[in-house]
Amino acid sequence: MNPAVSALILGDLQNDFLHPDGAYGRAGQSSPAIAALPDRLAPLVRAAREHDMLIAATLFTLAPGRHGEPIISPHLKSLRPFLKKGDFASGAWGQQLVDQLAPADIAVEKIAYSAFHMSRLEWVLRKCGVETLYFSGIVTNGGIASTVRDAHVREFECTVLADGCAAFSDDIHRAAVEGLRPVAKISTIAEMLRSLAAA
């Protein structure tokens, strides 16, 4: 591992997804595996900072449309009808990275499953000299899988931290991780900590 050309991606680990007072928490939408991620990832984030590895948070964002109402794609609206004005709003508390992991070096707003879609993520990573990405966050079968695949076609070296990601179902999580093996290395938080210590 070379921390100077690597980045730890914190995928969508936001208050509106994870905090009990956030949009998903108020709606009772969570899972034990998702809720456990911030504390599980905190030691890795500290180690990445100590080794001067870039930490990039991707932040799902609902952009305001007419009269300030959030623009929500039809498929998301059908899946999450509880989303409302103010949820995942740019700069708002709910959109921000959870306290256990903050601050990130860079924060990139995203509007779709992939954090590369219509965002500045690739531009920032290239400008920072990043070649290798280590992925953590939620959900494994959604934002993580889409972003990893987009990173792969952009010729970044990709590693998915299997125990640093989660989904609403453990079976779906495991299937998503297996599905990413052709385009990414699969590792763990402990293995990455050892690699950082040896760097």
N, C-alpha and C. Protein backbone atom coordinates (compact mmCIF):
# COMPACT_ATOMS: atom_id res chain seq x y z
N MET A 1 0.82 -1.20 0.00
CA MET A 1 0.00 0.00 0.00
C MET A 1 0.86 1.26 0.00
N ASN A 2 0.46 2.22 -0.80
CA ASN A 2 1.10 3.53 -0.82
C ASN A 2 0.04 4.57 -0.47
N PRO A 3 0.01 5.03 0.79
CA PRO A 3 -1.04 5.99 1.19
C PRO A 3 -1.05 7.26 0.35
N ALA A 4 0.10 7.64 -0.21
CA ALA A 4 0.18 8.89 -0.96
C ALA A 4 -0.66 8.87 -2.23
N VAL A 5 -0.93 7.67 -2.77
CA VAL A 5 -1.71 7.59 -4.00
C VAL A 5 -3.01 6.80 -3.78
N SER A 6 -3.43 6.75 -2.52
CA SER A 6 -4.63 5.99 -2.16
C SER A 6 -5.67 6.89 -1.51
N ALA A 7 -6.91 6.45 -1.56
CA ALA A 7 -7.99 7.18 -0.89
C ALA A 7 -8.95 6.18 -0.25
N LEU A 8 -9.41 6.53 0.94
CA LEU A 8 -10.45 5.77 1.61
C LEU A 8 -11.78 6.44 1.29
N ILE A 9 -12.68 5.70 0.66
CA ILE A 9 -13.99 6.23 0.30
C ILE A 9 -14.99 5.87 1.40
N LEU A 10 -15.62 6.89 1.96
CA LEU A 10 -16.69 6.70 2.95
C LEU A 10 -18.00 6.95 2.22
N GLY A 11 -18.65 5.88 1.82
CA GLY A 11 -19.81 5.99 0.96
C GLY A 11 -21.12 6.21 1.70
N ASP A 12 -21.62 7.42 1.62
CA ASP A 12 -22.98 7.75 2.09
C ASP A 12 -23.20 7.50 3.58
N LEU A 13 -22.17 7.66 4.37
CA LEU A 13 -22.28 7.43 5.82
C LEU A 13 -22.73 8.74 6.48
N GLN A 14 -23.99 9.07 6.25
CA GLN A 14 -24.55 10.38 6.57
C GLN A 14 -25.58 10.30 7.68
N ASN A 15 -25.80 11.44 8.31
CA ASN A 15 -26.78 11.49 9.40
C ASN A 15 -28.18 11.06 8.96
N ASP A 16 -28.61 11.49 7.78
CA ASP A 16 -29.96 11.14 7.34
C ASP A 16 -30.12 9.64 7.10
N PHE A 17 -29.02 8.94 6.83
CA PHE A 17 -29.07 7.49 6.69
C PHE A 17 -28.90 6.77 8.04
N LEU A 18 -28.04 7.31 8.91
CA LEU A 18 -27.56 6.53 10.06
C LEU A 18 -28.03 7.01 11.42
N HIS A 19 -28.24 8.28 11.59
CA HIS A 19 -28.58 8.80 12.91
C HIS A 19 -30.06 8.55 13.21
N PRO A 20 -30.40 8.22 14.46
CA PRO A 20 -31.81 8.00 14.80
C PRO A 20 -32.72 9.18 14.47
N ASP A 21 -32.17 10.39 14.48
CA ASP A 21 -32.97 11.57 14.16
C ASP A 21 -32.95 11.93 12.67
N GLY A 22 -32.23 11.13 11.87
CA GLY A 22 -32.17 11.39 10.44
C GLY A 22 -33.39 10.86 9.72
N ALA A 23 -33.43 11.09 8.42
CA ALA A 23 -34.61 10.74 7.62
C ALA A 23 -34.93 9.25 7.71
N TYR A 24 -33.93 8.40 7.57
CA TYR A 24 -34.17 6.96 7.63
C TYR A 24 -34.44 6.49 9.05
N GLY A 25 -33.76 7.08 10.02
CA GLY A 25 -33.99 6.71 11.41
C GLY A 25 -35.42 7.00 11.84
N ARG A 26 -35.93 8.18 11.47
CA ARG A 26 -37.30 8.55 11.82
C ARG A 26 -38.32 7.59 11.20
N ALA A 27 -37.95 7.04 10.04
CA ALA A 27 -38.86 6.12 9.35
C ALA A 27 -38.64 4.67 9.74
N GLY A 28 -37.70 4.42 10.67
CA GLY A 28 -37.43 3.06 11.10
C GLY A 28 -36.74 2.22 10.04
N GLN A 29 -36.00 2.87 9.15
CA GLN A 29 -35.31 2.19 8.07
C GLN A 29 -33.83 2.05 8.38
N SER A 30 -33.44 0.90 8.91
CA SER A 30 -32.03 0.65 9.19
C SER A 30 -31.83 -0.85 9.31
N SER A 31 -30.63 -1.24 9.66
CA SER A 31 -30.32 -2.63 9.96
C SER A 31 -29.17 -2.61 10.95
N PRO A 32 -29.01 -3.66 11.76
CA PRO A 32 -27.89 -3.68 12.72
C PRO A 32 -26.54 -3.53 12.04
N ALA A 33 -26.38 -4.14 10.88
CA ALA A 33 -25.09 -4.06 10.18
C ALA A 33 -24.78 -2.64 9.74
N ILE A 34 -25.81 -1.93 9.26
CA ILE A 34 -25.61 -0.55 8.85
C ILE A 34 -25.32 0.34 10.05
N ALA A 35 -26.09 0.17 11.12
CA ALA A 35 -25.90 0.98 12.33
C ALA A 35 -24.53 0.80 12.94
N ALA A 36 -23.92 -0.37 12.76
CA ALA A 36 -22.62 -0.66 13.38
C ALA A 36 -21.44 -0.07 12.62
N LEU A 37 -21.65 0.37 11.40
CA LEU A 37 -20.52 0.78 10.56
C LEU A 37 -19.69 1.94 11.10
N PRO A 38 -20.29 3.03 11.57
CA PRO A 38 -19.43 4.15 12.01
C PRO A 38 -18.43 3.75 13.08
N ASP A 39 -18.85 3.04 14.10
CA ASP A 39 -17.92 2.64 15.16
C ASP A 39 -16.89 1.64 14.64
N ARG A 40 -17.30 0.77 13.72
CA ARG A 40 -16.36 -0.21 13.17
C ARG A 40 -15.30 0.46 12.31
N LEU A 41 -15.70 1.52 11.60
CA LEU A 41 -14.77 2.19 10.68
C LEU A 41 -13.92 3.26 11.35
N ALA A 42 -14.32 3.72 12.53
CA ALA A 42 -13.62 4.84 13.18
C ALA A 42 -12.12 4.59 13.35
N PRO A 43 -11.68 3.40 13.82
CA PRO A 43 -10.23 3.18 13.95
C PRO A 43 -9.50 3.25 12.61
N LEU A 44 -10.15 2.78 11.55
CA LEU A 44 -9.52 2.84 10.23
C LEU A 44 -9.40 4.27 9.74
N VAL A 45 -10.42 5.07 9.97
CA VAL A 45 -10.36 6.48 9.57
C VAL A 45 -9.24 7.19 10.32
N ARG A 46 -9.10 6.90 11.62
CA ARG A 46 -7.99 7.51 12.38
C ARG A 46 -6.64 7.09 11.81
N ALA A 47 -6.49 5.82 11.49
CA ALA A 47 -5.23 5.33 10.94
C ALA A 47 -4.94 5.95 9.58
N ALA A 48 -5.96 6.08 8.76
CA ALA A 48 -5.78 6.71 7.45
C ALA A 48 -5.30 8.14 7.60
N ARG A 49 -5.87 8.87 8.56
CA ARG A 49 -5.43 10.25 8.80
C ARG A 49 -3.97 10.27 9.25
N GLU A 50 -3.62 9.38 10.14
CA GLU A 50 -2.24 9.34 10.66
C GLU A 50 -1.23 9.07 9.55
N HIS A 51 -1.66 8.32 8.53
CA HIS A 51 -0.75 8.00 7.42
C HIS A 51 -0.97 8.91 6.22
N ASP A 52 -1.70 9.99 6.42
CA ASP A 52 -1.90 11.01 5.39
C ASP A 52 -2.55 10.44 4.13
N MET A 53 -3.44 9.46 4.31
CA MET A 53 -4.22 8.95 3.19
C MET A 53 -5.44 9.85 3.00
N LEU A 54 -5.76 10.16 1.77
CA LEU A 54 -6.92 10.99 1.47
C LEU A 54 -8.18 10.27 1.92
N ILE A 55 -9.06 11.00 2.60
CA ILE A 55 -10.35 10.47 3.02
C ILE A 55 -11.44 11.25 2.27
N ALA A 56 -12.22 10.51 1.49
CA ALA A 56 -13.24 11.14 0.65
C ALA A 56 -14.61 10.63 1.05
N ALA A 57 -15.49 11.54 1.42
CA ALA A 57 -16.87 11.18 1.76
C ALA A 57 -17.77 11.48 0.57
N THR A 58 -18.55 10.49 0.16
CA THR A 58 -19.58 10.75 -0.83
C THR A 58 -20.89 10.98 -0.10
N LEU A 59 -21.60 12.02 -0.47
CA LEU A 59 -22.79 12.45 0.25
C LEU A 59 -24.00 12.46 -0.68
N PHE A 60 -24.89 11.51 -0.48
CA PHE A 60 -26.13 11.52 -1.26
C PHE A 60 -26.88 12.82 -0.97
N THR A 61 -27.37 13.44 -2.03
CA THR A 61 -27.97 14.76 -1.91
C THR A 61 -29.25 14.82 -2.73
N LEU A 62 -30.29 15.40 -2.13
CA LEU A 62 -31.53 15.67 -2.85
C LEU A 62 -31.54 17.16 -3.20
N ALA A 63 -31.38 17.45 -4.48
CA ALA A 63 -31.35 18.84 -4.93
C ALA A 63 -32.76 19.43 -4.90
N PRO A 64 -32.88 20.71 -4.54
CA PRO A 64 -34.20 21.33 -4.53
C PRO A 64 -34.68 21.65 -5.93
N GLY A 65 -35.98 21.48 -6.13
CA GLY A 65 -36.59 21.83 -7.41
C GLY A 65 -37.60 22.95 -7.22
N ARG A 66 -38.75 22.84 -7.80
CA ARG A 66 -39.78 23.87 -7.70
C ARG A 66 -40.21 24.06 -6.24
N HIS A 67 -40.26 25.32 -5.83
CA HIS A 67 -40.71 25.68 -4.48
C HIS A 67 -39.88 25.01 -3.39
N GLY A 68 -38.63 24.63 -3.74
CA GLY A 68 -37.75 24.02 -2.76
C GLY A 68 -38.01 22.56 -2.48
N GLU A 69 -38.99 21.98 -3.17
CA GLU A 69 -39.27 20.56 -2.96
C GLU A 69 -38.13 19.73 -3.57
N PRO A 70 -37.70 18.68 -2.87
CA PRO A 70 -36.57 17.89 -3.38
C PRO A 70 -36.93 17.14 -4.65
N ILE A 71 -35.96 17.08 -5.56
CA ILE A 71 -36.11 16.29 -6.78
C ILE A 71 -35.78 14.84 -6.42
N ILE A 72 -36.78 13.99 -6.46
CA ILE A 72 -36.60 12.58 -6.09
C ILE A 72 -37.00 11.72 -7.28
N SER A 73 -36.08 10.87 -7.73
CA SER A 73 -36.37 10.03 -8.88
C SER A 73 -37.55 9.11 -8.56
N PRO A 74 -38.33 8.75 -9.56
CA PRO A 74 -39.53 7.93 -9.31
C PRO A 74 -39.23 6.61 -8.60
N HIS A 75 -38.13 5.94 -8.98
CA HIS A 75 -37.84 4.65 -8.34
C HIS A 75 -37.52 4.83 -6.86
N LEU A 76 -36.81 5.93 -6.51
CA LEU A 76 -36.50 6.18 -5.11
C LEU A 76 -37.76 6.58 -4.35
N LYS A 77 -38.61 7.36 -4.97
CA LYS A 77 -39.85 7.78 -4.31
C LYS A 77 -40.72 6.57 -3.98
N SER A 78 -40.73 5.59 -4.87
CA SER A 78 -41.54 4.40 -4.60
C SER A 78 -40.92 3.55 -3.50
N LEU A 79 -39.59 3.52 -3.43
CA LEU A 79 -38.91 2.75 -2.39
C LEU A 79 -38.95 3.45 -1.04
N ARG A 80 -38.83 4.77 -1.05
CA ARG A 80 -38.70 5.54 0.19
C ARG A 80 -39.69 6.70 0.19
N PRO A 81 -40.98 6.40 0.30
CA PRO A 81 -42.00 7.46 0.22
C PRO A 81 -41.93 8.46 1.37
N PHE A 82 -41.18 8.14 2.42
CA PHE A 82 -41.09 9.04 3.58
C PHE A 82 -40.16 10.23 3.35
N LEU A 83 -39.36 10.21 2.28
CA LEU A 83 -38.44 11.32 2.05
C LEU A 83 -39.22 12.60 1.79
N LYS A 84 -38.74 13.70 2.41
CA LYS A 84 -39.48 14.95 2.32
C LYS A 84 -38.54 16.14 2.22
N LYS A 85 -39.13 17.32 2.10
CA LYS A 85 -38.36 18.56 2.00
C LYS A 85 -37.44 18.70 3.20
N GLY A 86 -36.17 18.99 2.93
CA GLY A 86 -35.17 19.14 3.98
C GLY A 86 -34.30 17.92 4.15
N ASP A 87 -34.77 16.74 3.74
CA ASP A 87 -33.96 15.52 3.85
C ASP A 87 -32.84 15.56 2.81
N PHE A 88 -31.64 15.21 3.25
CA PHE A 88 -30.47 15.14 2.37
C PHE A 88 -30.23 16.45 1.62
N ALA A 89 -30.62 17.56 2.22
CA ALA A 89 -30.43 18.86 1.59
C ALA A 89 -28.97 19.29 1.68
N SER A 90 -28.47 19.86 0.62
CA SER A 90 -27.07 20.27 0.55
C SER A 90 -26.72 21.20 1.72
N GLY A 91 -25.69 20.83 2.49
CA GLY A 91 -25.22 21.64 3.60
C GLY A 91 -25.97 21.44 4.90
N ALA A 92 -27.07 20.71 4.87
CA ALA A 92 -27.87 20.49 6.08
C ALA A 92 -27.25 19.39 6.94
N TRP A 93 -27.64 19.36 8.20
CA TRP A 93 -27.10 18.36 9.14
C TRP A 93 -27.31 16.95 8.62
N GLY A 94 -28.49 16.66 8.10
CA GLY A 94 -28.79 15.31 7.66
C GLY A 94 -27.91 14.82 6.52
N GLN A 95 -27.46 15.74 5.68
CA GLN A 95 -26.63 15.35 4.54
C GLN A 95 -25.18 15.08 4.94
N GLN A 96 -24.78 15.52 6.13
CA GLN A 96 -23.37 15.51 6.50
C GLN A 96 -22.89 14.13 6.96
N LEU A 97 -21.58 13.94 6.86
CA LEU A 97 -20.91 12.73 7.36
C LEU A 97 -21.13 12.63 8.86
N VAL A 98 -21.38 11.40 9.35
CA VAL A 98 -21.62 11.21 10.78
C VAL A 98 -20.41 11.64 11.61
N ASP A 99 -20.67 12.10 12.82
CA ASP A 99 -19.63 12.66 13.67
C ASP A 99 -18.49 11.69 13.94
N GLN A 100 -18.79 10.40 14.08
CA GLN A 100 -17.74 9.42 14.41
C GLN A 100 -16.64 9.38 13.36
N LEU A 101 -16.94 9.78 12.14
CA LEU A 101 -15.98 9.67 11.03
C LEU A 101 -15.50 11.01 10.50
N ALA A 102 -16.14 12.08 10.89
CA ALA A 102 -15.78 13.42 10.40
C ALA A 102 -14.49 13.92 11.06
N PRO A 103 -13.79 14.81 10.37
CA PRO A 103 -14.10 15.34 9.03
C PRO A 103 -13.41 14.53 7.94
N ALA A 104 -13.95 14.58 6.74
CA ALA A 104 -13.28 14.02 5.58
C ALA A 104 -12.42 15.10 4.94
N ASP A 105 -11.41 14.69 4.18
CA ASP A 105 -10.59 15.66 3.46
C ASP A 105 -11.39 16.33 2.35
N ILE A 106 -12.17 15.52 1.65
CA ILE A 106 -13.03 16.06 0.61
C ILE A 106 -14.41 15.44 0.76
N ALA A 107 -15.42 16.19 0.39
CA ALA A 107 -16.80 15.71 0.40
C ALA A 107 -17.40 15.98 -0.97
N VAL A 108 -17.96 14.94 -1.57
CA VAL A 108 -18.51 15.05 -2.92
C VAL A 108 -19.98 14.72 -2.89
N GLU A 109 -20.81 15.66 -3.32
CA GLU A 109 -22.24 15.41 -3.41
C GLU A 109 -22.53 14.47 -4.57
N LYS A 110 -23.47 13.54 -4.36
CA LYS A 110 -23.87 12.61 -5.41
C LYS A 110 -25.38 12.60 -5.50
N ILE A 111 -25.90 12.33 -6.69
CA ILE A 111 -27.34 12.38 -6.90
C ILE A 111 -27.90 11.04 -7.37
N ALA A 112 -27.02 10.04 -7.54
CA ALA A 112 -27.43 8.74 -8.05
C ALA A 112 -26.67 7.66 -7.30
N TYR A 113 -26.92 6.40 -7.67
CA TYR A 113 -26.20 5.32 -7.00
C TYR A 113 -24.69 5.51 -7.09
N SER A 114 -24.19 5.76 -8.29
CA SER A 114 -22.75 5.93 -8.46
C SER A 114 -22.31 7.33 -8.05
N ALA A 115 -21.27 7.39 -7.25
CA ALA A 115 -20.74 8.69 -6.83
C ALA A 115 -19.99 9.38 -7.96
N PHE A 116 -19.74 8.68 -9.06
CA PHE A 116 -19.08 9.31 -10.20
C PHE A 116 -20.08 9.99 -11.14
N HIS A 117 -21.34 9.61 -11.09
CA HIS A 117 -22.33 10.13 -12.03
C HIS A 117 -22.59 11.62 -11.79
N MET A 118 -22.22 12.43 -12.78
CA MET A 118 -22.47 13.88 -12.74
C MET A 118 -21.92 14.54 -11.47
N SER A 119 -20.74 14.09 -11.02
CA SER A 119 -20.12 14.68 -9.84
C SER A 119 -18.68 15.07 -10.15
N ARG A 120 -18.01 15.68 -9.18
CA ARG A 120 -16.61 16.07 -9.35
C ARG A 120 -15.66 15.06 -8.74
N LEU A 121 -16.15 13.86 -8.38
CA LEU A 121 -15.31 12.89 -7.68
C LEU A 121 -14.07 12.51 -8.48
N GLU A 122 -14.23 12.13 -9.73
CA GLU A 122 -13.06 11.73 -10.51
C GLU A 122 -12.06 12.87 -10.64
N TRP A 123 -12.55 14.08 -10.89
CA TRP A 123 -11.66 15.24 -11.04
C TRP A 123 -10.84 15.45 -9.77
N VAL A 124 -11.49 15.39 -8.61
CA VAL A 124 -10.77 15.60 -7.35
C VAL A 124 -9.74 14.50 -7.12
N LEU A 125 -10.13 13.25 -7.35
CA LEU A 125 -9.19 12.15 -7.13
C LEU A 125 -7.98 12.27 -8.05
N ARG A 126 -8.19 12.60 -9.31
CA ARG A 126 -7.07 12.75 -10.25
C ARG A 126 -6.17 13.90 -9.82
N LYS A 127 -6.76 15.03 -9.43
CA LYS A 127 -5.96 16.18 -9.02
C LYS A 127 -5.13 15.88 -7.77
N CYS A 128 -5.63 14.97 -6.94
CA CYS A 128 -4.91 14.59 -5.72
C CYS A 128 -3.95 13.44 -5.95
N GLY A 129 -3.82 12.99 -7.18
CA GLY A 129 -2.87 11.94 -7.51
C GLY A 129 -3.27 10.55 -7.05
N VAL A 130 -4.56 10.33 -6.87
CA VAL A 130 -5.03 9.05 -6.35
C VAL A 130 -5.13 8.02 -7.48
N GLU A 131 -4.63 6.81 -7.18
CA GLU A 131 -4.69 5.70 -8.12
C GLU A 131 -5.45 4.50 -7.56
N THR A 132 -5.50 4.40 -6.24
CA THR A 132 -6.08 3.23 -5.57
C THR A 132 -7.19 3.68 -4.63
N LEU A 133 -8.32 3.00 -4.69
CA LEU A 133 -9.47 3.34 -3.86
C LEU A 133 -9.85 2.18 -2.95
N TYR A 134 -10.10 2.49 -1.69
CA TYR A 134 -10.58 1.52 -0.71
C TYR A 134 -12.00 1.93 -0.33
N PHE A 135 -12.94 1.03 -0.56
CA PHE A 135 -14.36 1.38 -0.44
C PHE A 135 -14.97 0.88 0.86
N SER A 136 -15.71 1.78 1.51
CA SER A 136 -16.53 1.43 2.67
C SER A 136 -17.84 2.18 2.52
N GLY A 137 -18.87 1.74 3.28
CA GLY A 137 -20.10 2.51 3.29
C GLY A 137 -21.34 1.70 2.98
N ILE A 138 -22.37 2.42 2.54
CA ILE A 138 -23.68 1.82 2.30
C ILE A 138 -24.25 2.32 0.96
N VAL A 139 -25.22 1.52 0.44
CA VAL A 139 -25.41 0.11 0.73
C VAL A 139 -24.59 -0.68 -0.28
N THR A 140 -24.18 -1.88 0.13
CA THR A 140 -23.24 -2.65 -0.68
C THR A 140 -23.78 -2.90 -2.09
N ASN A 141 -25.05 -3.24 -2.19
CA ASN A 141 -25.63 -3.59 -3.48
C ASN A 141 -26.11 -2.37 -4.27
N GLY A 142 -26.03 -1.18 -3.69
CA GLY A 142 -26.48 0.03 -4.36
C GLY A 142 -25.33 0.96 -4.67
N GLY A 143 -25.16 1.97 -3.81
CA GLY A 143 -24.13 2.97 -4.04
C GLY A 143 -22.72 2.41 -4.11
N ILE A 144 -22.40 1.45 -3.25
CA ILE A 144 -21.04 0.89 -3.25
C ILE A 144 -20.79 0.15 -4.56
N ALA A 145 -21.67 -0.79 -4.91
CA ALA A 145 -21.46 -1.57 -6.12
C ALA A 145 -21.38 -0.69 -7.36
N SER A 146 -22.27 0.28 -7.47
CA SER A 146 -22.27 1.16 -8.65
C SER A 146 -21.00 1.99 -8.73
N THR A 147 -20.56 2.51 -7.58
CA THR A 147 -19.37 3.36 -7.58
C THR A 147 -18.11 2.55 -7.84
N VAL A 148 -18.03 1.35 -7.29
CA VAL A 148 -16.87 0.48 -7.54
C VAL A 148 -16.77 0.15 -9.03
N ARG A 149 -17.89 -0.20 -9.64
CA ARG A 149 -17.85 -0.55 -11.06
C ARG A 149 -17.46 0.66 -11.91
N ASP A 150 -17.96 1.82 -11.57
CA ASP A 150 -17.57 3.02 -12.30
C ASP A 150 -16.10 3.35 -12.09
N ALA A 151 -15.59 3.12 -10.89
CA ALA A 151 -14.16 3.33 -10.63
C ALA A 151 -13.31 2.37 -11.45
N HIS A 152 -13.77 1.13 -11.55
CA HIS A 152 -13.03 0.11 -12.32
C HIS A 152 -12.90 0.51 -13.78
N VAL A 153 -13.99 0.97 -14.40
CA VAL A 153 -13.90 1.34 -15.82
C VAL A 153 -13.08 2.61 -16.01
N ARG A 154 -12.86 3.37 -14.94
CA ARG A 154 -11.99 4.54 -15.00
C ARG A 154 -10.54 4.18 -14.65
N GLU A 155 -10.28 2.90 -14.48
CA GLU A 155 -8.95 2.34 -14.26
C GLU A 155 -8.32 2.73 -12.94
N PHE A 156 -9.15 2.94 -11.91
CA PHE A 156 -8.63 3.00 -10.56
C PHE A 156 -8.48 1.56 -10.07
N GLU A 157 -7.47 1.33 -9.22
CA GLU A 157 -7.37 0.06 -8.52
C GLU A 157 -8.36 0.09 -7.38
N CYS A 158 -9.20 -0.93 -7.27
CA CYS A 158 -10.29 -0.91 -6.29
C CYS A 158 -10.18 -2.05 -5.30
N THR A 159 -10.40 -1.72 -4.04
CA THR A 159 -10.50 -2.71 -2.97
C THR A 159 -11.78 -2.43 -2.19
N VAL A 160 -12.58 -3.46 -2.02
CA VAL A 160 -13.80 -3.35 -1.22
C VAL A 160 -13.54 -3.95 0.15
N LEU A 161 -13.81 -3.18 1.19
CA LEU A 161 -13.67 -3.66 2.56
C LEU A 161 -14.98 -4.34 2.94
N ALA A 162 -14.99 -5.66 2.89
CA ALA A 162 -16.24 -6.41 3.04
C ALA A 162 -16.94 -6.11 4.36
N ASP A 163 -16.17 -5.99 5.44
CA ASP A 163 -16.78 -5.70 6.74
C ASP A 163 -16.88 -4.20 7.01
N GLY A 164 -16.49 -3.40 6.02
CA GLY A 164 -16.64 -1.96 6.12
C GLY A 164 -17.81 -1.45 5.30
N CYS A 165 -18.58 -2.38 4.73
CA CYS A 165 -19.78 -2.06 3.97
C CYS A 165 -20.95 -2.83 4.57
N ALA A 166 -22.16 -2.41 4.24
CA ALA A 166 -23.34 -3.10 4.75
C ALA A 166 -24.54 -2.80 3.86
N ALA A 167 -25.56 -3.67 3.99
CA ALA A 167 -26.81 -3.50 3.27
C ALA A 167 -27.95 -3.78 4.25
N PHE A 168 -29.16 -3.66 3.77
CA PHE A 168 -30.31 -3.90 4.64
C PHE A 168 -30.52 -5.39 4.92
N SER A 169 -29.85 -6.25 4.16
CA SER A 169 -29.91 -7.69 4.36
C SER A 169 -28.50 -8.26 4.28
N ASP A 170 -28.13 -9.13 5.22
CA ASP A 170 -26.80 -9.74 5.18
C ASP A 170 -26.62 -10.59 3.93
N ASP A 171 -27.67 -11.28 3.49
CA ASP A 171 -27.57 -12.09 2.28
C ASP A 171 -27.31 -11.23 1.05
N ILE A 172 -28.01 -10.11 0.97
CA ILE A 172 -27.80 -9.19 -0.16
C ILE A 172 -26.39 -8.62 -0.12
N HIS A 173 -25.93 -8.27 1.07
CA HIS A 173 -24.56 -7.76 1.23
C HIS A 173 -23.54 -8.77 0.71
N ARG A 174 -23.67 -10.02 1.16
CA ARG A 174 -22.70 -11.05 0.75
C ARG A 174 -22.74 -11.28 -0.75
N ALA A 175 -23.94 -11.31 -1.32
CA ALA A 175 -24.06 -11.50 -2.77
C ALA A 175 -23.42 -10.34 -3.53
N ALA A 176 -23.61 -9.12 -3.03
CA ALA A 176 -23.03 -7.95 -3.70
C ALA A 176 -21.51 -7.98 -3.65
N VAL A 177 -20.96 -8.37 -2.51
CA VAL A 177 -19.50 -8.47 -2.39
C VAL A 177 -18.97 -9.50 -3.38
N GLU A 178 -19.61 -10.65 -3.45
CA GLU A 178 -19.18 -11.69 -4.39
C GLU A 178 -19.26 -11.19 -5.82
N GLY A 179 -20.29 -10.43 -6.13
CA GLY A 179 -20.45 -9.91 -7.47
C GLY A 179 -19.41 -8.89 -7.88
N LEU A 180 -18.71 -8.32 -6.89
CA LEU A 180 -17.68 -7.32 -7.18
C LEU A 180 -16.28 -7.93 -7.35
N ARG A 181 -16.14 -9.21 -7.09
CA ARG A 181 -14.80 -9.84 -7.19
C ARG A 181 -14.14 -9.69 -8.56
N PRO A 182 -14.89 -9.69 -9.68
CA PRO A 182 -14.21 -9.51 -10.97
C PRO A 182 -13.61 -8.13 -11.18
N VAL A 183 -14.08 -7.13 -10.40
CA VAL A 183 -13.62 -5.75 -10.65
C VAL A 183 -12.89 -5.14 -9.46
N ALA A 184 -12.77 -5.85 -8.36
CA ALA A 184 -12.13 -5.29 -7.16
C ALA A 184 -11.54 -6.39 -6.30
N LYS A 185 -10.51 -6.03 -5.55
CA LYS A 185 -10.03 -6.92 -4.50
C LYS A 185 -11.00 -6.85 -3.33
N ILE A 186 -11.14 -7.94 -2.62
CA ILE A 186 -11.99 -7.97 -1.44
C ILE A 186 -11.09 -8.12 -0.22
N SER A 187 -11.25 -7.23 0.74
CA SER A 187 -10.38 -7.22 1.92
C SER A 187 -11.22 -6.93 3.15
N THR A 188 -10.55 -6.68 4.27
CA THR A 188 -11.23 -6.38 5.53
C THR A 188 -10.58 -5.15 6.16
N ILE A 189 -11.26 -4.61 7.16
CA ILE A 189 -10.71 -3.47 7.90
C ILE A 189 -9.40 -3.85 8.56
N ALA A 190 -9.35 -5.02 9.19
CA ALA A 190 -8.13 -5.45 9.88
C ALA A 190 -6.96 -5.58 8.91
N GLU A 191 -7.22 -6.12 7.73
CA GLU A 191 -6.15 -6.26 6.73
C GLU A 191 -5.67 -4.89 6.27
N MET A 192 -6.57 -3.96 6.10
CA MET A 192 -6.14 -2.62 5.69
C MET A 192 -5.36 -1.93 6.79
N LEU A 193 -5.76 -2.12 8.02
CA LEU A 193 -5.00 -1.55 9.15
C LEU A 193 -3.57 -2.10 9.17
N ARG A 194 -3.42 -3.40 8.91
CA ARG A 194 -2.09 -3.99 8.89
C ARG A 194 -1.27 -3.42 7.74
N SER A 195 -1.91 -3.23 6.58
CA SER A 195 -1.20 -2.67 5.43
C SER A 195 -0.77 -1.23 5.70
N LEU A 196 -1.61 -0.46 6.36
CA LEU A 196 -1.23 0.91 6.70
C LEU A 196 -0.07 0.93 7.69
N ALA A 197 -0.11 0.05 8.66
CA ALA A 197 0.96 -0.01 9.66
C ALA A 197 2.29 -0.35 9.03
N ALA A 198 2.24 -1.16 7.96
CA ALA A 198 3.48 -1.58 7.29
C ALA A 198 3.93 -0.61 6.21
N ALA A 199 3.09 0.36 5.88
CA ALA A 199 3.40 1.27 4.77
C ALA A 199 4.57 2.17 5.12
